[in-house]
Protein backbone atom coordinates (compact mmCIF):
# COMPACT_ATOMS: atom_id res chain seq x y z
CA MET A 1 -19.88 -13.41 36.87
CA PRO A 2 -19.99 -14.69 33.26
CA GLY A 3 -22.55 -17.35 32.37
CA VAL A 4 -22.12 -20.24 29.97
CA GLU A 5 -23.00 -18.20 26.86
CA GLU A 6 -20.48 -15.51 27.77
CA VAL A 7 -17.72 -18.07 28.38
CA VAL A 8 -18.51 -19.66 25.00
CA ARG A 9 -18.25 -16.23 23.37
CA ILE A 10 -14.93 -15.47 25.09
CA LEU A 11 -13.38 -18.77 24.05
CA GLU A 12 -14.81 -18.38 20.55
CA GLU A 13 -13.00 -15.05 20.21
CA ASP A 14 -9.81 -16.48 21.71
CA ILE A 15 -9.82 -19.10 18.95
CA ILE A 16 -10.82 -16.84 16.06
CA PHE A 17 -8.24 -14.20 17.02
CA GLY A 18 -5.49 -16.80 17.43
CA ARG A 19 -5.04 -16.41 21.18
CA LEU A 20 -5.82 -20.11 21.46
CA LYS A 21 -4.10 -22.24 18.83
CA PRO A 22 -5.05 -25.62 17.34
CA ARG A 23 -4.08 -28.47 19.73
CA GLU A 24 -3.82 -26.06 22.68
CA ARG A 25 -5.12 -27.55 25.93
CA LEU A 26 -8.11 -25.97 27.65
CA VAL A 27 -7.48 -26.62 31.32
CA GLU A 28 -10.56 -26.23 33.49
CA ASP A 29 -8.71 -24.83 36.51
CA VAL A 30 -6.92 -22.25 34.37
CA LEU A 31 -10.17 -21.13 32.75
CA MET A 32 -11.94 -20.98 36.12
CA ALA A 33 -9.26 -18.70 37.52
CA ARG A 34 -9.02 -16.53 34.43
CA LEU A 35 -12.77 -16.04 33.95
CA ALA A 36 -13.79 -16.14 37.62
CA VAL A 37 -16.44 -18.81 37.05
CA LYS A 38 -17.43 -22.10 38.63
CA ARG A 39 -16.29 -25.44 37.24
CA HIS A 40 -19.76 -26.37 36.00
CA VAL A 41 -19.87 -23.20 33.87
CA VAL A 42 -16.52 -24.05 32.26
CA ARG A 43 -17.60 -27.62 31.65
CA GLN A 44 -20.89 -26.59 30.06
CA ALA A 45 -19.11 -24.06 27.84
CA LEU A 46 -16.55 -26.66 26.73
CA ALA A 47 -19.35 -29.14 26.07
CA GLU A 48 -21.09 -26.60 23.83
CA LEU A 49 -17.87 -25.88 21.94
CA GLU A 50 -17.34 -29.61 21.57
CA ARG A 51 -20.87 -29.95 20.18
CA LEU A 52 -20.06 -27.26 17.64
CA GLY A 53 -16.89 -29.10 16.63
CA VAL A 54 -14.52 -26.35 17.76
CA VAL A 55 -13.12 -28.27 20.74
CA VAL A 56 -12.24 -31.95 21.13
CA ARG A 57 -12.19 -33.95 24.35
CA GLU A 58 -9.93 -36.95 24.85
CA ARG A 59 -10.11 -39.47 27.66
CA ASN A 60 -7.60 -38.70 30.42
CA LYS A 61 -6.37 -35.64 28.50
CA GLY A 62 -9.23 -33.16 28.77
CA SER A 63 -10.24 -30.61 26.15
CA ALA A 64 -8.20 -28.93 23.44
CA VAL A 65 -8.77 -26.63 20.49
CA ARG A 66 -9.53 -28.81 17.51
CA ASP A 67 -6.75 -29.41 15.03
CA PHE A 68 -7.38 -30.30 11.39
CA ALA A 69 -5.37 -32.55 9.12
CA PRO A 70 -4.88 -31.08 5.62
CA GLN A 71 -7.25 -33.62 4.07
CA ASP A 72 -9.93 -32.64 6.61
CA VAL A 73 -9.48 -28.97 5.74
CA GLU A 74 -9.89 -29.71 2.04
CA ALA A 75 -13.00 -31.82 2.68
CA ILE A 76 -14.65 -29.27 4.97
CA TYR A 77 -14.00 -26.41 2.58
CA ASP A 78 -15.38 -28.44 -0.32
CA VAL A 79 -18.62 -28.74 1.66
CA ARG A 80 -18.62 -25.04 2.58
CA ALA A 81 -18.13 -24.07 -1.06
CA VAL A 82 -21.05 -26.26 -2.18
CA LEU A 83 -23.34 -24.92 0.54
CA GLN A 84 -22.56 -21.26 -0.10
CA ARG A 85 -22.77 -21.59 -3.87
CA HIS A 86 -26.14 -23.33 -3.55
CA ALA A 87 -27.47 -20.65 -1.20
CA ALA A 88 -26.47 -17.99 -3.73
CA SER A 89 -28.28 -19.95 -6.46
CA LEU A 90 -31.53 -19.83 -4.47
CA ILE A 91 -31.67 -16.08 -3.78
CA PRO A 92 -34.72 -14.71 -5.65
CA PHE A 93 -33.88 -12.15 -8.33
CA PRO A 94 -34.49 -9.29 -8.54
CA VAL A 95 -33.35 -8.95 -4.95
CA ALA A 96 -35.64 -7.01 -2.63
CA PRO A 97 -34.37 -3.44 -2.05
CA ASP A 98 -34.46 -3.87 1.73
CA VAL A 99 -32.08 -6.85 1.48
CA VAL A 100 -29.58 -4.82 -0.55
CA ALA A 101 -29.95 -1.85 1.81
CA GLU A 102 -29.26 -4.03 4.84
CA LEU A 103 -26.16 -5.53 3.23
CA GLU A 104 -24.90 -2.07 2.23
CA ALA A 105 -25.31 -0.82 5.81
CA ILE A 106 -23.45 -3.81 7.26
CA HIS A 107 -20.76 -3.48 4.59
CA ALA A 108 -20.21 0.19 5.46
CA ARG A 109 -19.67 -0.63 9.14
CA HIS A 110 -17.47 -3.61 8.26
CA SER A 111 -15.31 -1.41 5.99
CA GLN A 112 -14.86 1.11 8.79
CA ALA A 113 -13.84 -1.65 11.19
CA VAL A 114 -11.30 -3.02 8.69
CA GLU A 115 -9.72 0.42 8.25
CA ALA A 116 -9.69 1.00 12.01
CA GLY A 117 -8.14 -2.42 12.70
CA ASP A 118 -10.99 -3.26 15.06
CA LEU A 119 -10.76 -7.04 14.70
CA ARG A 120 -13.61 -7.84 17.05
CA ALA A 121 -15.97 -5.62 15.04
CA VAL A 122 -14.56 -6.99 11.78
CA TYR A 123 -15.34 -10.53 12.87
CA ARG A 124 -18.85 -9.80 14.13
CA LEU A 125 -19.81 -7.69 11.12
CA ASN A 126 -18.39 -10.24 8.70
CA ASN A 127 -20.65 -12.86 10.28
CA GLU A 128 -23.58 -10.43 10.19
CA PHE A 129 -23.00 -9.76 6.48
CA HIS A 130 -22.99 -13.42 5.53
CA ASP A 131 -25.96 -14.22 7.76
CA ALA A 132 -27.97 -11.51 6.01
CA LEU A 133 -26.79 -12.54 2.55
CA PHE A 134 -27.56 -16.22 2.90
CA ALA A 135 -30.84 -15.58 4.75
CA ALA A 136 -32.06 -14.14 1.45
CA CYS A 137 -32.03 -17.66 -0.04
CA GLY A 138 -35.18 -18.45 1.97
CA ASN A 139 -34.00 -21.84 3.28
CA PRO A 140 -33.38 -21.56 7.05
CA TYR A 141 -31.97 -25.09 7.26
CA LEU A 142 -29.36 -24.34 4.63
CA VAL A 143 -28.50 -21.07 6.38
CA ALA A 144 -28.10 -22.90 9.72
CA THR A 145 -25.82 -25.49 8.12
CA ILE A 146 -23.65 -22.79 6.55
CA SER A 147 -23.34 -21.18 9.99
CA GLU A 148 -22.43 -24.49 11.65
CA TYR A 149 -19.63 -25.12 9.17
CA ALA A 150 -18.34 -21.57 9.66
CA TRP A 151 -18.22 -22.27 13.42
CA LEU A 152 -16.42 -25.55 12.81
CA VAL A 153 -13.45 -23.84 11.14
CA HIS A 154 -12.89 -21.02 13.63
CA ALA A 155 -9.26 -22.06 14.14
CA ILE A 156 -8.73 -22.03 10.37
CA ARG A 157 -10.46 -18.69 9.83
CA SER A 158 -8.16 -17.12 12.44
CA TYR A 159 -5.37 -17.09 9.84
CA ARG A 160 -7.37 -14.73 7.63
CA ILE A 161 -8.42 -12.31 10.33
CA ALA A 162 -4.78 -11.91 11.38
CA ASP A 163 -3.77 -10.70 7.90
CA PRO A 164 -4.74 -7.08 7.03
CA LYS A 165 -4.32 -7.78 3.30
CA LEU A 166 -6.78 -10.68 3.44
CA LEU A 167 -9.23 -8.61 5.48
CA ARG A 168 -9.21 -5.90 2.82
CA GLN A 169 -9.68 -8.57 0.15
CA ALA A 170 -12.72 -9.92 2.02
CA ARG A 171 -14.09 -6.37 2.35
CA ASP A 172 -13.70 -5.79 -1.39
CA GLU A 173 -15.38 -9.12 -2.20
CA HIS A 174 -18.37 -8.11 -0.07
CA ALA A 175 -18.72 -5.01 -2.25
CA LEU A 176 -18.61 -7.20 -5.37
CA MET A 177 -21.33 -9.45 -3.93
CA ILE A 178 -23.59 -6.44 -3.39
CA GLU A 179 -22.83 -5.26 -6.92
CA ALA A 180 -23.76 -8.70 -8.31
CA LEU A 181 -27.02 -8.64 -6.36
CA ARG A 182 -27.91 -5.21 -7.73
CA ALA A 183 -27.04 -6.28 -11.28
CA GLY A 184 -28.93 -9.56 -11.04
CA ASP A 185 -25.69 -11.38 -11.91
CA ARG A 186 -26.26 -14.78 -10.31
CA LYS A 187 -23.23 -16.45 -11.94
CA THR A 188 -20.82 -13.90 -10.47
CA LEU A 189 -22.53 -14.03 -7.08
CA MET A 190 -22.24 -17.83 -6.94
CA GLU A 191 -18.57 -17.70 -7.91
CA LEU A 192 -17.84 -15.04 -5.30
CA CYS A 193 -19.59 -16.98 -2.54
CA GLU A 194 -17.53 -20.06 -3.41
CA GLN A 195 -14.16 -18.33 -3.83
CA HIS A 196 -14.59 -16.00 -0.85
CA ILE A 197 -13.75 -18.69 1.72
CA LEU A 198 -10.58 -19.99 0.05
CA PRO A 199 -7.95 -17.52 1.37
CA SER A 200 -8.41 -18.66 4.99
CA LYS A 201 -8.05 -22.29 3.90
CA GLU A 202 -4.89 -21.55 1.91
CA ALA A 203 -3.38 -19.50 4.76
CA TYR A 204 -4.00 -22.32 7.23
CA LEU A 205 -2.57 -24.99 4.93
CA ALA A 206 0.50 -22.84 4.22
CA GLN A 207 1.09 -22.47 7.95
CA GLU A 208 0.72 -26.22 8.44
CA ARG A 209 3.23 -26.92 5.64
CA SER A 210 5.66 -24.47 7.19
CA ALA A 211 5.28 -26.04 10.64
CA LEU A 212 5.77 -29.53 9.18
CA ALA A 213 8.92 -28.44 7.35
CA SER A 214 10.24 -26.81 10.52
CA ARG A 215 9.66 -29.98 12.55
CA ALA A 216 11.35 -32.07 9.86
CA TRP A 217 14.35 -29.72 9.82
CA SER A 218 14.61 -29.83 13.63
CA ALA A 219 14.43 -33.62 13.61
CA GLY A 220 17.14 -33.80 10.97
């Protein structure tokens, strides 16, 4: 029987892979039946996802996948860009060979997963790559904050992972980051770390504009 951590992981993947959409209700009884767990396990998992900002709970309505207004998306991604650019600025150059070797190994596995269409592996290895990259900055509090903001936008990031073209673009940008590290090119690394997150934001906002236009057309 899954525990709280496993239920959190399952729901995390449901959101990141688009199986659960923004605003979609998370009904306790449905989750209990689907995952074969007790109510307290579901409630603790939802509470953890709420703490991470992925799920919202409304009085008399229960829990739902968090939705983001366009202005919130812009604001959150502004913060993410600042955090990631700053982390890149702190990485000591020349970069230790073991750091580059670790990133190259993760990148190789990530590339294989992209080509194989193994989205679960793509997602996990993408996280692993960025964790290793930003850990090199030497500020664990900054690294933790970057991770928290990445968690916050799971529903937004799902639009990138569903697009093979964007996945290949992310893969290629990882290679450029490694190249910048090897070359000691901090300016390029900082720019890459800032620009790397934008495609998921733009894909989400484009989808929101399309949905808004569709609702307006239906209402008319």
